[in-house]
Amino acid sequence: MTLQFIHDNKGNTTGVFLPIEEWQNLKTKYTELQKEEAENLIELAPWQKQVIDERLNDYYKNTEDVADFDKTIDAIEKSL
C-alpha cells in the first residue's frame, strides 16, 4: 500500500493520503467502509451547485482574468 503522510508546519503527522485505486480496493475488501462513506456523504444544495456552475462558466469564459493563488498569498503576507 502506498501511503503518504501529511504533516503540519511543526512536523506533526496530521493525516494520511492514499491513491484512489487503493481506497476503492479497501472499500471492496471492507464493506463497512463503503457503508460509512455513504452515510457521511454530504450533498450540495441545488443553489450551491448553481453557484459553482456559474463560477466555473465565468472562469472558462475568462481564463485570462484570474489571479495566481501563490502570488496573491505572497502579496497579502507582504502587506501584513
Protein backbone atom coordinates (compact mmCIF):
# COMPACT_ATOMS: atom_id res chain seq x y z
CA MET A 1 0.00 0.00 0.00
CA THR A 2 1.34 3.41 -0.98
CA LEU A 3 0.67 5.83 1.87
CA GLN A 4 1.77 9.44 2.04
CA PHE A 5 1.76 11.08 5.45
CA ILE A 6 0.66 14.69 5.74
CA HIS A 7 2.46 16.89 8.28
CA ASP A 8 1.79 20.34 9.68
CA ASN A 9 4.42 23.07 9.80
CA LYS A 10 5.73 21.68 13.11
CA GLY A 11 6.30 18.21 11.66
CA ASN A 12 3.32 16.59 13.37
CA THR A 13 1.52 13.96 11.32
CA THR A 14 -1.98 15.24 10.67
CA GLY A 15 -3.28 12.87 8.02
CA VAL A 16 -2.69 10.14 5.51
CA PHE A 17 -3.17 10.17 1.75
CA LEU A 18 -3.64 7.02 -0.29
CA PRO A 19 -4.30 6.69 -4.01
CA ILE A 20 -7.95 6.36 -5.04
CA GLU A 21 -7.37 2.89 -6.51
CA GLU A 22 -6.18 1.65 -3.13
CA TRP A 23 -9.15 3.30 -1.41
CA GLN A 24 -11.51 1.51 -3.82
CA ASN A 25 -9.78 -1.81 -3.06
CA LEU A 26 -10.13 -1.23 0.68
CA LYS A 27 -13.85 -0.45 0.29
CA THR A 28 -14.31 -3.69 -1.64
CA LYS A 29 -12.44 -5.69 0.99
CA TYR A 30 -14.08 -3.98 3.98
CA THR A 31 -17.70 -3.33 3.06
CA GLU A 32 -18.34 -1.36 6.26
CA LEU A 33 -16.09 1.37 4.81
CA GLN A 34 -18.42 1.65 1.85
CA LYS A 35 -21.44 1.92 4.16
CA GLU A 36 -19.76 4.55 6.32
CA GLU A 37 -18.74 6.56 3.28
CA ALA A 38 -22.33 6.53 2.01
CA GLU A 39 -23.65 7.59 5.42
CA ASN A 40 -21.23 10.52 5.63
CA LEU A 41 -21.76 11.74 2.08
CA ILE A 42 -22.88 15.35 2.08
CA GLU A 43 -24.88 16.50 -0.93
CA LEU A 44 -24.70 20.09 -2.00
CA ALA A 45 -27.94 22.02 -2.12
CA PRO A 46 -29.18 22.86 -5.63
CA TRP A 47 -28.44 26.56 -5.10
CA GLN A 48 -24.83 25.69 -4.14
CA LYS A 49 -24.41 23.64 -7.30
CA GLN A 50 -25.80 26.54 -9.32
CA VAL A 51 -23.30 28.99 -7.79
CA ILE A 52 -20.42 26.62 -8.55
CA ASP A 53 -21.63 26.12 -12.13
CA GLU A 54 -21.91 29.89 -12.64
CA ARG A 55 -18.42 30.49 -11.28
CA LEU A 56 -16.92 27.73 -13.40
CA ASN A 57 -18.64 29.05 -16.52
CA ASP A 58 -17.34 32.53 -15.77
CA TYR A 59 -13.83 31.14 -15.29
CA TYR A 60 -13.90 29.20 -18.57
CA LYS A 61 -15.13 32.30 -20.43
CA ASN A 62 -12.40 34.49 -18.86
CA THR A 63 -9.40 32.26 -18.19
CA GLU A 64 -7.02 35.22 -18.55
CA ASP A 65 -8.85 37.19 -15.85
CA VAL A 66 -7.69 35.17 -12.84
CA ALA A 67 -5.10 35.68 -10.13
CA ASP A 68 -2.34 33.22 -9.31
CA PHE A 69 -3.05 31.84 -5.83
CA ASP A 70 0.58 31.72 -4.63
CA LYS A 71 1.34 35.23 -5.87
CA THR A 72 -1.83 36.55 -4.25
CA ILE A 73 -1.00 34.94 -0.90
CA ASP A 74 2.57 36.28 -1.09
CA ALA A 75 1.25 39.78 -1.74
CA ILE A 76 -1.15 39.53 1.20
CA GLU A 77 1.60 38.28 3.52
CA LYS A 78 3.94 41.08 2.46
CA SER A 79 1.26 43.67 3.19
CA LEU A 80 0.78 42.43 6.78
